Amino acid sequence: MAKVVRIALDAMGGDHGPSVVIPGAALALERRPDLEFHIYGDEKIIAPLLAQHSALAAKAKVYHTDVAVKMDDKPSQALRSGRRVSSMWMAIEAIKNDVADATVSAGNTGALMAMSKFCLNTMAPIDRPAIAALWPNIHGESVVLDVGATIGADAQHLVDLAIMGSAMARIVFDLEKPTVGLLNVGVEEIKGLEEVKAAGRILKETAWSNLDYRGFVEGDDIGKGTVNVVVTEGFTGNIALKTAEGTAKQISQYLRDAMSRSLLAKIGFFLAQGAFKALKDKMDPRASNGGVFLGLDGVVIKSHGGADASGYASAIEMGYDMVKHELLGKIRESLAIPHEGRPAFTVDAAQ
C-alpha cells in the first residue's frame, strides 16, 4: 500500500481563503488519491464548504482557529501576533510535530517565510532559504531561484542555491544531472558582480555528481530554456518574475484587442482557436502555481495569493511531489559534496 502524503493547509491564507482552498484540495485529491489533509482555519467557514466534497471530508481533519495572518501584515508583526495561534503558524507547526509532511499556504509571503524559518529552522549548512519557481520556456519549464526570499547574495549563497535548485529539478524534470546557469549581465567570465563571478568559479571547478554547471546565462536565456536551473539572488529574481508575469498579461491583452478589431479578425480567431487555446494553456500560471521554500528543514509551498481552485490544486501537487520524491533528502545528499570555503557536511550531520 502506497504511503499517504499528509498536507497541512492554511485555509485562511490568500485573497479568497477557504472558498478556494477547499475545492482546490478536493481537486488535488481526485488526481492524487493517496493524499490526506490537515486543514487549519475558521471551522464555521470551512465546514459547509467541506460538506460539499464528501471524498475530501473523509480524508481531512479540521483544526479551528479564528486568527488569520493578513496579506498586508509585516513579517515581524505576523510573528508577534500570529505565533502559535494563527492558521498559518499552525499549518507550519504541523510539520515540526510530524502531523504533516508538507504545508501549503496562499498567504502573506513574508510572513510565511519568517514563520517557516522560525518554526522549522534552516537545513545545515544553509543560512538563508530561497523561493524556487517553475518558469515556462520554449522547451517546457525551468527552475528559477531565488524569486524573492532574500535580497543580495554572496558567492556561497549562490552556490547553495544552485545545489538546492538542481535537487528540485531532479524531482520535477526527472533528470539525473540538471544543467545549471548563473544569471548575469553577460556570458563572459569577466562580466558581473564579484560575488557572481566567485560563485561561477566554485561551480566550475567542483566535480559535481548531480548538477551540470553551464556558466553564466542572460535574462533572455530564461525564456529560451537554455538551462534547467537558473540561479540568482532574490531582488533580481523577483523583478524578473514580476516582469514576466506582466509581459504575459500584456501579450494576452494585445491578442484579445487584435482579435476583436474586425469581422475578418474574428473569423481568423475562430479558425485558429485551437492554436490560441494551446498558447493560453502554455501561458496559464495555474499550471505551475506553487513556489517551493528551499533550505528549510521541511517542505513549505507558497501558492499565489490570487490563485483559483485549479491553481491551488497545482500548489498542493507540488508539495506532494516534493515529499514523494524526497526533496529534503536530495538536498542533503547534494550538500554533502565539499567545495571551496566549506567542509563537507555528512547527511547525518545535516539531519
Protein backbone atom coordinates (compact mmCIF):
# COMPACT_ATOMS: atom_id res chain seq x y z
CA MET A 1 0.00 0.00 0.00
CA ALA A 2 1.36 3.43 -1.00
CA LYS A 3 2.38 5.73 1.84
CA VAL A 4 -0.11 8.53 2.47
CA VAL A 5 1.24 12.05 1.91
CA ARG A 6 -0.05 14.38 4.62
CA ILE A 7 -0.57 18.02 3.60
CA ALA A 8 -1.30 20.83 6.06
CA LEU A 9 -3.35 23.68 4.59
CA ASP A 10 -3.52 27.27 5.79
CA ALA A 11 -7.18 27.62 4.85
CA MET A 12 -7.37 31.33 5.69
CA GLY A 13 -4.43 32.43 3.52
CA GLY A 14 -4.72 34.23 0.19
CA ASP A 15 -7.24 36.54 -1.40
CA HIS A 16 -10.08 34.01 -1.28
CA GLY A 17 -9.40 31.80 1.76
CA PRO A 18 -11.42 28.59 2.20
CA SER A 19 -13.57 29.24 -0.89
CA VAL A 20 -10.52 28.33 -2.99
CA VAL A 21 -8.55 26.16 -0.57
CA ILE A 22 -11.28 23.54 -0.06
CA PRO A 23 -12.24 22.96 -3.73
CA GLY A 24 -8.54 23.10 -4.60
CA ALA A 25 -7.83 20.33 -2.11
CA ALA A 26 -10.76 18.31 -3.47
CA LEU A 27 -9.37 18.62 -7.00
CA ALA A 28 -5.87 17.61 -5.88
CA LEU A 29 -7.33 14.57 -4.09
CA GLU A 30 -9.05 13.44 -7.29
CA ARG A 31 -5.66 13.36 -9.01
CA ARG A 32 -3.63 12.15 -6.01
CA PRO A 33 -5.81 9.66 -4.05
CA ASP A 34 -3.03 8.97 -1.52
CA LEU A 35 -3.30 12.49 -0.09
CA GLU A 36 -4.51 13.29 3.44
CA PHE A 37 -5.27 16.81 4.63
CA HIS A 38 -4.96 18.71 7.90
CA ILE A 39 -6.84 21.98 7.48
CA TYR A 40 -6.30 24.97 9.76
CA GLY A 41 -8.74 27.87 9.95
CA ASP A 42 -12.20 29.04 10.94
CA GLU A 43 -14.30 25.88 11.22
CA LYS A 44 -17.56 27.80 10.78
CA ILE A 45 -16.46 28.81 7.28
CA ILE A 46 -14.66 25.58 6.39
CA ALA A 47 -17.31 23.04 7.48
CA PRO A 48 -20.07 23.95 4.97
CA LEU A 49 -17.56 24.03 2.12
CA LEU A 50 -16.10 20.69 3.16
CA ALA A 51 -19.60 19.18 3.27
CA GLN A 52 -19.83 19.76 -0.49
CA HIS A 53 -16.87 17.42 -1.08
CA SER A 54 -17.54 14.08 0.59
CA ALA A 55 -14.35 12.39 -0.62
CA LEU A 56 -12.25 15.22 0.78
CA ALA A 57 -14.20 15.29 4.05
CA ALA A 58 -13.38 11.61 4.56
CA LYS A 59 -9.64 12.34 4.27
CA ALA A 60 -9.42 15.65 6.09
CA LYS A 61 -9.27 16.87 9.66
CA VAL A 62 -10.10 20.46 10.57
CA TYR A 63 -8.35 22.38 13.36
CA HIS A 64 -10.18 25.51 14.42
CA THR A 65 -8.61 28.93 14.84
CA ASP A 66 -10.18 32.32 14.24
CA VAL A 67 -6.82 34.05 13.89
CA ALA A 68 -5.50 34.65 10.37
CA VAL A 69 -2.41 36.48 9.11
CA LYS A 70 -3.42 39.44 6.96
CA MET A 71 -1.97 39.83 3.48
CA ASP A 72 -0.51 43.24 4.39
CA ASP A 73 0.95 42.25 7.78
CA LYS A 74 4.67 42.84 8.17
CA PRO A 75 6.60 39.60 8.86
CA SER A 76 7.65 40.82 12.34
CA GLN A 77 4.05 41.79 13.14
CA ALA A 78 2.76 38.40 11.95
CA LEU A 79 5.32 36.61 14.13
CA ARG A 80 4.29 38.58 17.20
CA SER A 81 0.54 38.32 16.78
CA GLY A 82 0.19 35.03 14.89
CA ARG A 83 2.67 32.74 16.57
CA ARG A 84 1.06 29.51 17.76
CA VAL A 85 -2.50 30.76 17.20
CA SER A 86 -2.84 31.67 13.52
CA SER A 87 -3.85 29.23 10.77
CA MET A 88 -0.52 29.90 9.04
CA TRP A 89 1.61 29.09 12.08
CA MET A 90 -0.41 26.00 12.99
CA ALA A 91 -0.10 24.64 9.44
CA ILE A 92 3.68 25.11 9.53
CA GLU A 93 3.99 23.66 13.03
CA ALA A 94 2.18 20.54 11.81
CA ILE A 95 5.41 19.60 10.00
CA LYS A 96 7.50 20.11 13.14
CA ASN A 97 5.07 17.98 15.16
CA ASP A 98 5.06 15.23 12.49
CA VAL A 99 1.36 15.73 11.82
CA ALA A 100 2.04 16.70 8.20
CA ASP A 101 4.73 16.12 5.59
CA ALA A 102 4.28 19.47 3.83
CA THR A 103 2.46 22.78 4.23
CA VAL A 104 0.69 24.85 1.58
CA SER A 105 -0.38 28.47 2.06
CA ALA A 106 -1.54 31.23 -0.26
CA GLY A 107 -0.98 33.80 2.48
CA ASN A 108 1.43 36.67 3.04
CA THR A 109 4.79 35.59 1.55
CA GLY A 110 7.00 37.47 4.00
CA ALA A 111 5.07 36.19 7.00
CA LEU A 112 5.10 32.64 5.67
CA MET A 113 8.86 32.74 5.18
CA ALA A 114 9.51 34.30 8.59
CA MET A 115 7.27 31.83 10.40
CA SER A 116 8.65 28.86 8.47
CA LYS A 117 12.24 29.79 9.25
CA PHE A 118 11.43 30.44 12.91
CA CYS A 119 9.43 27.25 13.37
CA LEU A 120 11.32 24.77 11.19
CA ASN A 121 14.84 26.27 11.07
CA THR A 122 17.10 26.02 8.05
CA MET A 123 18.84 22.88 6.89
CA ALA A 124 22.52 22.84 7.87
CA PRO A 125 24.62 24.44 6.48
CA ILE A 126 22.11 26.72 4.69
CA ASP A 127 21.89 30.19 6.24
CA ARG A 128 19.07 31.69 4.18
CA PRO A 129 16.14 29.97 2.48
CA ALA A 130 15.07 30.71 -1.09
CA ILE A 131 11.87 30.61 -3.10
CA ALA A 132 12.09 28.45 -6.23
CA ALA A 133 9.52 28.78 -9.01
CA LEU A 134 8.75 26.78 -12.13
CA TRP A 135 9.18 29.05 -15.16
CA PRO A 136 7.68 28.24 -18.59
CA ASN A 137 10.09 28.31 -21.53
CA ILE A 138 10.12 27.20 -25.17
CA HIS A 139 11.25 23.70 -24.20
CA GLY A 140 8.90 23.23 -21.24
CA GLU A 141 9.86 24.62 -17.84
CA SER A 142 12.89 25.51 -15.76
CA VAL A 143 13.50 26.08 -12.05
CA VAL A 144 14.35 29.69 -11.19
CA LEU A 145 15.55 30.77 -7.74
CA ASP A 146 15.60 32.90 -5.69
CA VAL A 147 12.47 34.79 -6.73
CA GLY A 148 12.11 36.92 -3.64
CA ALA A 149 13.05 35.32 -0.32
CA THR A 150 16.27 37.22 0.42
CA ILE A 151 17.92 40.32 -1.01
CA GLY A 152 21.57 40.09 -2.02
CA ALA A 153 23.84 37.06 -2.02
CA ASP A 154 27.49 36.21 -1.52
CA ALA A 155 29.21 33.52 -3.58
CA GLN A 156 28.50 30.80 -1.04
CA HIS A 157 24.77 31.53 -1.03
CA LEU A 158 24.62 31.42 -4.83
CA VAL A 159 26.36 28.04 -4.81
CA ASP A 160 23.86 26.78 -2.23
CA LEU A 161 21.03 28.00 -4.45
CA ALA A 162 22.49 26.03 -7.35
CA ILE A 163 22.66 22.90 -5.20
CA MET A 164 19.09 23.24 -3.93
CA GLY A 165 17.65 24.21 -7.31
CA SER A 166 19.27 21.22 -9.01
CA ALA A 167 17.83 18.90 -6.34
CA MET A 168 14.35 20.25 -7.11
CA ALA A 169 14.94 19.93 -10.86
CA ARG A 170 15.93 16.29 -10.43
CA ILE A 171 12.48 15.66 -8.98
CA VAL A 172 10.35 17.88 -11.21
CA PHE A 173 12.04 17.04 -14.51
CA ASP A 174 13.22 13.50 -13.66
CA LEU A 175 16.83 14.31 -14.53
CA GLU A 176 19.97 12.75 -13.10
CA LYS A 177 22.14 15.81 -13.72
CA PRO A 178 20.21 19.05 -14.40
CA THR A 179 22.01 21.87 -16.21
CA VAL A 180 22.57 24.99 -14.11
CA GLY A 181 23.35 28.59 -15.06
CA LEU A 182 24.09 31.75 -13.05
CA LEU A 183 22.06 34.76 -14.17
CA ASN A 184 24.43 37.55 -15.15
CA VAL A 185 24.72 40.66 -17.35
CA GLY A 186 26.69 38.67 -19.93
CA VAL A 187 28.03 35.20 -20.55
CA GLU A 188 31.69 36.25 -20.46
CA GLU A 189 33.54 35.27 -17.28
CA ILE A 190 34.93 38.80 -16.79
CA LYS A 191 31.43 40.34 -16.53
CA GLY A 192 29.21 40.77 -13.49
CA LEU A 193 29.45 41.33 -9.75
CA GLU A 194 32.41 39.81 -7.90
CA GLU A 195 30.06 37.57 -5.90
CA VAL A 196 28.58 36.11 -9.08
CA LYS A 197 32.00 35.58 -10.65
CA ALA A 198 33.29 33.89 -7.49
CA ALA A 199 30.25 31.58 -7.39
CA GLY A 200 30.86 30.75 -11.04
CA ARG A 201 34.44 29.73 -10.28
CA ILE A 202 33.35 27.44 -7.44
CA LEU A 203 30.65 25.80 -9.54
CA LYS A 204 33.03 25.38 -12.48
CA GLU A 205 35.92 23.94 -10.51
CA THR A 206 33.95 21.48 -8.35
CA ALA A 207 33.28 17.97 -9.64
CA TRP A 208 29.52 17.76 -9.11
CA SER A 209 27.90 14.35 -9.43
CA ASN A 210 24.32 15.63 -9.71
CA LEU A 211 24.45 19.00 -11.49
CA ASP A 212 25.97 20.21 -14.75
CA TYR A 213 27.16 23.81 -14.48
CA ARG A 214 26.97 25.59 -17.85
CA GLY A 215 28.30 29.01 -16.86
CA PHE A 216 26.60 32.41 -16.98
CA VAL A 217 23.23 32.94 -18.63
CA GLU A 218 21.43 36.17 -19.52
CA GLY A 219 17.84 37.25 -19.00
CA ASP A 220 16.63 36.02 -22.39
CA ASP A 221 18.03 32.55 -21.65
CA ILE A 222 15.27 32.02 -19.07
CA GLY A 223 12.58 32.01 -21.75
CA LYS A 224 14.81 30.10 -24.17
CA GLY A 225 15.20 27.27 -21.69
CA THR A 226 18.99 27.31 -22.08
CA VAL A 227 19.43 25.52 -18.73
CA ASN A 228 17.20 23.54 -16.36
CA VAL A 229 18.04 25.73 -13.34
CA VAL A 230 18.61 29.50 -13.33
CA VAL A 231 20.25 30.89 -10.19
CA THR A 232 20.11 34.50 -8.99
CA GLU A 233 19.54 36.42 -5.77
CA GLY A 234 16.07 37.40 -4.60
CA PHE A 235 15.99 41.04 -5.65
CA THR A 236 16.83 40.32 -9.29
CA GLY A 237 14.76 37.13 -9.32
CA ASN A 238 11.61 38.84 -8.07
CA ILE A 239 11.92 41.66 -10.60
CA ALA A 240 12.37 39.09 -13.39
CA LEU A 241 9.33 37.14 -12.18
CA LYS A 242 7.06 40.19 -11.99
CA THR A 243 8.30 41.40 -15.38
CA ALA A 244 7.48 38.02 -16.95
CA GLU A 245 4.01 37.98 -15.36
CA GLY A 246 3.33 41.48 -16.64
CA THR A 247 4.58 40.63 -20.13
CA ALA A 248 2.31 37.58 -20.29
CA LYS A 249 -0.71 39.74 -19.37
CA GLN A 250 0.35 42.36 -21.90
CA ILE A 251 0.57 39.81 -24.72
CA SER A 252 -2.81 38.35 -23.78
CA GLN A 253 -4.40 41.80 -23.90
CA TYR A 254 -2.77 42.55 -27.26
CA LEU A 255 -4.20 39.30 -28.67
CA ARG A 256 -7.69 40.00 -27.32
CA ASP A 257 -7.65 43.52 -28.76
CA ALA A 258 -6.37 42.32 -32.14
CA MET A 259 -8.95 39.55 -32.42
CA SER A 260 -11.88 41.90 -31.81
CA ARG A 261 -10.98 44.70 -34.23
CA SER A 262 -12.85 43.46 -37.29
CA LEU A 263 -15.09 40.73 -38.61
CA LEU A 264 -12.15 39.25 -40.52
CA ALA A 265 -10.08 39.14 -37.33
CA LYS A 266 -12.92 37.39 -35.50
CA ILE A 267 -13.19 34.81 -38.29
CA GLY A 268 -9.43 34.29 -38.13
CA PHE A 269 -9.66 33.79 -34.38
CA PHE A 270 -12.44 31.22 -34.85
CA LEU A 271 -10.36 29.27 -37.38
CA ALA A 272 -7.24 29.38 -35.21
CA GLN A 273 -8.88 28.92 -31.81
CA GLY A 274 -7.12 25.59 -31.28
CA ALA A 275 -3.74 27.27 -31.59
CA PHE A 276 -4.82 30.12 -29.31
CA LYS A 277 -6.03 27.64 -26.69
CA ALA A 278 -2.64 25.91 -26.80
CA LEU A 279 -0.95 29.29 -26.30
CA LYS A 280 -3.28 30.12 -23.42
CA ASP A 281 -2.60 26.78 -21.75
CA LYS A 282 1.15 27.31 -22.14
CA MET A 283 0.94 30.74 -20.51
CA ASP A 284 -1.57 29.70 -17.83
CA PRO A 285 0.09 30.46 -14.46
CA ARG A 286 -2.21 27.99 -12.68
CA ALA A 287 -0.39 25.04 -14.24
CA SER A 288 2.87 25.89 -12.46
CA ASN A 289 1.49 27.65 -9.36
CA GLY A 290 3.49 26.95 -6.26
CA GLY A 291 6.80 28.36 -5.09
CA VAL A 292 8.94 25.97 -3.04
CA PHE A 293 10.74 27.31 0.03
CA LEU A 294 14.14 25.66 -0.33
CA GLY A 295 16.64 25.44 2.51
CA LEU A 296 14.15 24.83 5.30
CA ASP A 297 14.09 21.65 7.33
CA GLY A 298 10.61 20.95 5.98
CA VAL A 299 8.57 21.28 2.79
CA VAL A 300 6.63 24.56 2.56
CA ILE A 301 4.82 25.62 -0.63
CA LYS A 302 3.65 29.16 -1.35
CA SER A 303 0.62 29.38 -3.62
CA HIS A 304 -0.15 32.62 -5.45
CA GLY A 305 -2.48 34.70 -3.29
CA GLY A 306 -4.98 35.16 -6.13
CA ALA A 307 -4.94 31.54 -7.32
CA ASP A 308 -8.22 29.82 -8.16
CA ALA A 309 -9.05 26.24 -7.17
CA SER A 310 -7.14 24.79 -10.11
CA GLY A 311 -4.05 26.83 -9.28
CA TYR A 312 -4.25 25.93 -5.61
CA ALA A 313 -4.53 22.25 -6.52
CA SER A 314 -1.30 22.63 -8.52
CA ALA A 315 0.44 24.04 -5.43
CA ILE A 316 -0.75 21.06 -3.37
CA GLU A 317 0.51 18.68 -6.03
CA MET A 318 3.87 20.46 -5.98
CA GLY A 319 4.08 19.75 -2.26
CA TYR A 320 3.03 16.16 -2.89
CA ASP A 321 5.81 15.67 -5.45
CA MET A 322 8.45 17.23 -3.19
CA VAL A 323 7.51 14.83 -0.38
CA LYS A 324 7.01 11.76 -2.55
CA HIS A 325 10.37 12.16 -4.25
CA GLU A 326 12.25 13.13 -1.08
CA LEU A 327 13.35 16.70 -1.84
CA LEU A 328 14.96 17.19 1.58
CA GLY A 329 17.00 14.02 1.22
CA LYS A 330 18.23 15.03 -2.23
CA ILE A 331 19.28 18.46 -0.97
CA ARG A 332 21.15 16.94 1.99
CA GLU A 333 22.83 14.49 -0.36
CA SER A 334 24.00 17.35 -2.61
CA LEU A 335 25.16 19.50 0.31
CA ALA A 336 27.43 16.66 1.44
CA ILE A 337 29.75 17.41 -1.51
CA PRO A 338 32.71 19.55 -0.33
CA HIS A 339 33.74 22.68 -2.19
CA GLU A 340 35.90 25.75 -1.74
CA GLY A 341 35.46 27.57 1.55
CA ARG A 342 33.31 24.98 3.26
CA PRO A 343 33.93 21.43 4.53
CA ALA A 344 31.72 18.55 3.58
CA PHE A 345 28.59 18.01 5.65
CA THR A 346 27.55 14.42 6.02
CA VAL A 347 23.90 13.50 5.64
CA ASP A 348 23.79 12.52 9.33
CA ALA A 349 25.28 15.83 10.41
CA ALA A 350 22.76 17.75 8.30
CA GLN A 351 19.92 15.93 9.96
